[in-house]
């Protein structure tokens, strides 16, 4: 790839990042942490439209109020008030951008993928995403609306 082509790719990447806005979320009980920002890519408008058969980058920046040797992600799709388990490829937060052990009063960037299976129904729902410490308390718990589309 020549310099000109690489420059154009970098330019469009920067434009995409500046056009993206943080995802609006509700804190659903972050016991031992505080969420700073939630970003889902691509998600040009809200609620995020998740296309079947695609994967989305989920990034959560949070501050920890505790030390923890481990972290585990748990994701649910909440439909009509009923939480339904939503499997993700890597549940281990320590393999998702977080350097463990987690230290108290430090900022962390959790980064993972959210695959949307082709067999999921086209539906509006709320995603509930928790990252638990080694005692089972939520380093963060967030809820955000999405719409699964074909």
C-alpha atoms as a PDB file:
ATOM      1  CA  UNK A   1       0.000   0.000   0.000  1.00  0.00           C
ATOM      2  CA  UNK A   2       1.444   3.390  -0.896  1.00  0.00           C
ATOM      3  CA  UNK A   3       1.606   6.414   1.382  1.00  0.00           C
ATOM      4  CA  UNK A   4      -1.334   8.158  -0.329  1.00  0.00           C
ATOM      5  CA  UNK A   5      -3.699   5.194   0.145  1.00  0.00           C
ATOM      6  CA  UNK A   6      -2.621   4.785   3.782  1.00  0.00           C
ATOM      7  CA  UNK A   7      -3.229   8.514   4.400  1.00  0.00           C
ATOM      8  CA  UNK A   8      -6.763   8.268   2.997  1.00  0.00           C
ATOM      9  CA  UNK A   9      -7.573   5.258   5.208  1.00  0.00           C
ATOM     10  CA  UNK A  10      -6.285   7.076   8.304  1.00  0.00           C
ATOM     11  CA  UNK A  11      -8.273  10.194   7.375  1.00  0.00           C
ATOM     12  CA  UNK A  12     -11.550   8.271   6.958  1.00  0.00           C
ATOM     13  CA  UNK A  13     -10.917   6.402  10.218  1.00  0.00           C
ATOM     14  CA  UNK A  14     -10.459   9.695  12.073  1.00  0.00           C
ATOM     15  CA  UNK A  15     -13.605  11.123  10.487  1.00  0.00           C
ATOM     16  CA  UNK A  16     -15.568   8.034  11.555  1.00  0.00           C
ATOM     17  CA  UNK A  17     -14.292   8.379  15.114  1.00  0.00           C
ATOM     18  CA  UNK A  18     -15.167  12.065  15.316  1.00  0.00           C
ATOM     19  CA  UNK A  19     -18.667  11.442  13.921  1.00  0.00           C
ATOM     20  CA  UNK A  20     -19.384   8.670  16.393  1.00  0.00           C
ATOM     21  CA  UNK A  21     -21.062   9.708  19.584  1.00  0.00           C
ATOM     22  CA  UNK A  22     -20.933   7.875  22.894  1.00  0.00           C
ATOM     23  CA  UNK A  23     -23.777   5.456  23.474  1.00  0.00           C
ATOM     24  CA  UNK A  24     -26.415   6.662  25.908  1.00  0.00           C
ATOM     25  CA  UNK A  25     -26.637   4.163  28.746  1.00  0.00           C
ATOM     26  CA  UNK A  26     -28.194   3.697  32.155  1.00  0.00           C
ATOM     27  CA  UNK A  27     -26.088   2.495  35.073  1.00  0.00           C
ATOM     28  CA  UNK A  28     -27.888  -0.547  36.461  1.00  0.00           C
ATOM     29  CA  UNK A  29     -25.897  -1.040  39.655  1.00  0.00           C
ATOM     30  CA  UNK A  30     -22.151  -0.570  39.272  1.00  0.00           C
ATOM     31  CA  UNK A  31     -21.339  -1.605  42.864  1.00  0.00           C
ATOM     32  CA  UNK A  32     -17.559  -1.207  42.847  1.00  0.00           C
ATOM     33  CA  UNK A  33     -16.836   0.915  39.788  1.00  0.00           C
ATOM     34  CA  UNK A  34     -18.002   3.895  37.758  1.00  0.00           C
ATOM     35  CA  UNK A  35     -18.567   3.962  34.002  1.00  0.00           C
ATOM     36  CA  UNK A  36     -16.992   6.906  32.179  1.00  0.00           C
ATOM     37  CA  UNK A  37     -17.996   6.208  28.564  1.00  0.00           C
ATOM     38  CA  UNK A  38     -19.612   3.485  26.433  1.00  0.00           C
ATOM     39  CA  UNK A  39     -18.802   3.199  22.730  1.00  0.00           C
ATOM     40  CA  UNK A  40     -20.175   0.714  20.188  1.00  0.00           C
ATOM     41  CA  UNK A  41     -18.819   0.561  16.651  1.00  0.00           C
ATOM     42  CA  UNK A  42     -20.389   0.898  14.248  1.00  0.00           C
ATOM     43  CA  UNK A  43     -23.356   2.699  15.765  1.00  0.00           C
ATOM     44  CA  UNK A  44     -23.990   5.952  13.872  1.00  0.00           C
ATOM     45  CA  UNK A  45     -27.395   6.550  15.495  1.00  0.00           C
ATOM     46  CA  UNK A  46     -29.235   5.446  18.585  1.00  0.00           C
ATOM     47  CA  UNK A  47     -30.660   3.054  19.401  1.00  0.00           C
ATOM     48  CA  UNK A  48     -27.850   1.095  17.765  1.00  0.00           C
ATOM     49  CA  UNK A  49     -29.023  -1.015  14.846  1.00  0.00           C
ATOM     50  CA  UNK A  50     -27.336  -4.403  15.084  1.00  0.00           C
ATOM     51  CA  UNK A  51     -27.377  -6.281  11.793  1.00  0.00           C
ATOM     52  CA  UNK A  52     -27.756 -10.039  11.885  1.00  0.00           C
ATOM     53  CA  UNK A  53     -24.572 -11.902  11.005  1.00  0.00           C
ATOM     54  CA  UNK A  54     -22.280  -9.020  12.021  1.00  0.00           C
ATOM     55  CA  UNK A  55     -20.123  -8.322  15.076  1.00  0.00           C
ATOM     56  CA  UNK A  56     -19.849  -5.004  16.871  1.00  0.00           C
ATOM     57  CA  UNK A  57     -16.980  -3.562  18.901  1.00  0.00           C
ATOM     58  CA  UNK A  58     -18.050  -2.758  22.464  1.00  0.00           C
ATOM     59  CA  UNK A  59     -15.761  -0.493  24.497  1.00  0.00           C
ATOM     60  CA  UNK A  60     -16.433   0.564  28.076  1.00  0.00           C
ATOM     61  CA  UNK A  61     -14.123   2.873  30.002  1.00  0.00           C
ATOM     62  CA  UNK A  62     -14.607   2.599  33.745  1.00  0.00           C
ATOM     63  CA  UNK A  63     -12.891   3.366  37.034  1.00  0.00           C
ATOM     64  CA  UNK A  64     -12.473   0.616  39.609  1.00  0.00           C
ATOM     65  CA  UNK A  65     -13.050   1.244  43.317  1.00  0.00           C
ATOM     66  CA  UNK A  66     -11.626  -2.157  44.315  1.00  0.00           C
ATOM     67  CA  UNK A  67      -8.824  -4.597  43.633  1.00  0.00           C
ATOM     68  CA  UNK A  68      -9.728  -7.811  41.836  1.00  0.00           C
ATOM     69  CA  UNK A  69      -7.704 -10.709  40.479  1.00  0.00           C
ATOM     70  CA  UNK A  70     -10.320 -11.555  37.848  1.00  0.00           C
ATOM     71  CA  UNK A  71     -13.296 -10.131  35.966  1.00  0.00           C
ATOM     72  CA  UNK A  72     -16.153 -11.835  34.162  1.00  0.00           C
ATOM     73  CA  UNK A  73     -18.622 -10.382  31.665  1.00  0.00           C
ATOM     74  CA  UNK A  74     -22.275 -11.360  31.772  1.00  0.00           C
ATOM     75  CA  UNK A  75     -24.625 -10.118  29.050  1.00  0.00           C
ATOM     76  CA  UNK A  76     -28.406 -10.334  28.809  1.00  0.00           C
ATOM     77  CA  UNK A  77     -30.938  -9.166  26.287  1.00  0.00           C
ATOM     78  CA  UNK A  78     -33.928  -7.817  28.201  1.00  0.00           C
ATOM     79  CA  UNK A  79     -37.159  -8.398  26.292  1.00  0.00           C
ATOM     80  CA  UNK A  80     -40.455  -7.349  27.903  1.00  0.00           C
ATOM     81  CA  UNK A  81     -38.635  -7.141  31.246  1.00  0.00           C
ATOM     82  CA  UNK A  82     -37.273 -10.694  31.003  1.00  0.00           C
ATOM     83  CA  UNK A  83     -33.450 -11.072  30.923  1.00  0.00           C
ATOM     84  CA  UNK A  84     -32.317 -13.659  28.360  1.00  0.00           C
ATOM     85  CA  UNK A  85     -28.633 -14.753  28.342  1.00  0.00           C
ATOM     86  CA  UNK A  86     -26.734 -13.283  25.382  1.00  0.00           C
ATOM     87  CA  UNK A  87     -23.544 -15.282  24.819  1.00  0.00           C
ATOM     88  CA  UNK A  88     -20.316 -13.451  23.978  1.00  0.00           C
ATOM     89  CA  UNK A  89     -17.110 -15.071  22.692  1.00  0.00           C
ATOM     90  CA  UNK A  90     -14.869 -14.013  25.594  1.00  0.00           C
ATOM     91  CA  UNK A  91     -16.356 -13.729  29.080  1.00  0.00           C
ATOM     92  CA  UNK A  92     -12.970 -13.158  30.744  1.00  0.00           C
ATOM     93  CA  UNK A  93     -12.520  -9.409  31.138  1.00  0.00           C
ATOM     94  CA  UNK A  94      -8.806  -9.960  31.705  1.00  0.00           C
ATOM     95  CA  UNK A  95      -8.640 -11.122  28.075  1.00  0.00           C
ATOM     96  CA  UNK A  96     -10.688  -8.167  26.847  1.00  0.00           C
ATOM     97  CA  UNK A  97      -8.329  -5.230  27.180  1.00  0.00           C
ATOM     98  CA  UNK A  98      -8.093  -5.193  30.966  1.00  0.00           C
ATOM     99  CA  UNK A  99      -4.711  -5.854  32.530  1.00  0.00           C
ATOM    100  CA  UNK A 100      -5.327  -7.965  35.619  1.00  0.00           C
ATOM    101  CA  UNK A 101      -5.068  -7.830  38.542  1.00  0.00           C
ATOM    102  CA  UNK A 102      -7.381  -4.849  38.614  1.00  0.00           C
ATOM    103  CA  UNK A 103      -6.155  -2.096  40.909  1.00  0.00           C
ATOM    104  CA  UNK A 104      -8.200   0.249  43.071  1.00  0.00           C
ATOM    105  CA  UNK A 105      -8.648   3.828  41.787  1.00  0.00           C
ATOM    106  CA  UNK A 106      -7.456   2.990  38.257  1.00  0.00           C
ATOM    107  CA  UNK A 107      -9.137   3.554  34.900  1.00  0.00           C
ATOM    108  CA  UNK A 108      -9.665   0.582  32.569  1.00  0.00           C
ATOM    109  CA  UNK A 109     -10.779   0.107  28.966  1.00  0.00           C
ATOM    110  CA  UNK A 110     -12.846  -3.028  28.466  1.00  0.00           C
ATOM    111  CA  UNK A 111     -12.982  -3.963  24.777  1.00  0.00           C
ATOM    112  CA  UNK A 112     -14.751  -6.925  23.220  1.00  0.00           C
ATOM    113  CA  UNK A 113     -16.964  -8.046  20.352  1.00  0.00           C
ATOM    114  CA  UNK A 114     -20.735  -8.486  20.342  1.00  0.00           C
ATOM    115  CA  UNK A 115     -21.688 -11.012  17.650  1.00  0.00           C
ATOM    116  CA  UNK A 116     -25.257 -10.840  16.355  1.00  0.00           C
ATOM    117  CA  UNK A 117     -26.302 -14.279  15.143  1.00  0.00           C
ATOM    118  CA  UNK A 118     -28.328 -14.653  11.964  1.00  0.00           C
ATOM    119  CA  UNK A 119     -30.983 -16.657  13.792  1.00  0.00           C
ATOM    120  CA  UNK A 120     -31.782 -13.845  16.266  1.00  0.00           C
ATOM    121  CA  UNK A 121     -35.235 -12.317  15.719  1.00  0.00           C
ATOM    122  CA  UNK A 122     -35.603  -8.766  14.429  1.00  0.00           C
ATOM    123  CA  UNK A 123     -36.568  -6.988  17.634  1.00  0.00           C
ATOM    124  CA  UNK A 124     -36.025  -3.956  19.856  1.00  0.00           C
ATOM    125  CA  UNK A 125     -34.517  -4.823  23.213  1.00  0.00           C
ATOM    126  CA  UNK A 126     -32.298  -3.550  26.011  1.00  0.00           C
ATOM    127  CA  UNK A 127     -28.806  -4.974  26.436  1.00  0.00           C
ATOM    128  CA  UNK A 128     -27.672  -5.383  30.041  1.00  0.00           C
ATOM    129  CA  UNK A 129     -23.882  -5.759  30.294  1.00  0.00           C
ATOM    130  CA  UNK A 130     -22.139  -6.524  33.577  1.00  0.00           C
ATOM    131  CA  UNK A 131     -18.480  -6.947  34.392  1.00  0.00           C
ATOM    132  CA  UNK A 132     -18.087  -8.665  37.756  1.00  0.00           C
ATOM    133  CA  UNK A 133     -15.074  -8.712  40.050  1.00  0.00           C
ATOM    134  CA  UNK A 134     -13.721 -11.783  41.840  1.00  0.00           C
ATOM    135  CA  UNK A 135     -16.354 -11.455  44.602  1.00  0.00           C
ATOM    136  CA  UNK A 136     -19.259 -11.262  42.133  1.00  0.00           C
ATOM    137  CA  UNK A 137     -19.861  -7.506  42.528  1.00  0.00           C
ATOM    138  CA  UNK A 138     -20.347  -5.339  39.460  1.00  0.00           C
ATOM    139  CA  UNK A 139     -17.321  -3.332  38.352  1.00  0.00           C
ATOM    140  CA  UNK A 140     -19.889  -1.975  35.945  1.00  0.00           C
ATOM    141  CA  UNK A 141     -23.474  -2.680  34.967  1.00  0.00           C
ATOM    142  CA  UNK A 142     -24.916  -0.810  32.012  1.00  0.00           C
ATOM    143  CA  UNK A 143     -28.128  -0.942  30.009  1.00  0.00           C
ATOM    144  CA  UNK A 144     -28.570   0.451  26.513  1.00  0.00           C
ATOM    145  CA  UNK A 145     -31.269   0.040  23.846  1.00  0.00           C
ATOM    146  CA  UNK A 146     -30.584  -1.721  20.542  1.00  0.00           C
ATOM    147  CA  UNK A 147     -32.583  -2.905  17.568  1.00  0.00           C
ATOM    148  CA  UNK A 148     -31.667  -6.158  15.806  1.00  0.00           C
ATOM    149  CA  UNK A 149     -32.307  -5.840  12.077  1.00  0.00           C
ATOM    150  CA  UNK A 150     -31.855  -8.022   8.995  1.00  0.00           C
END
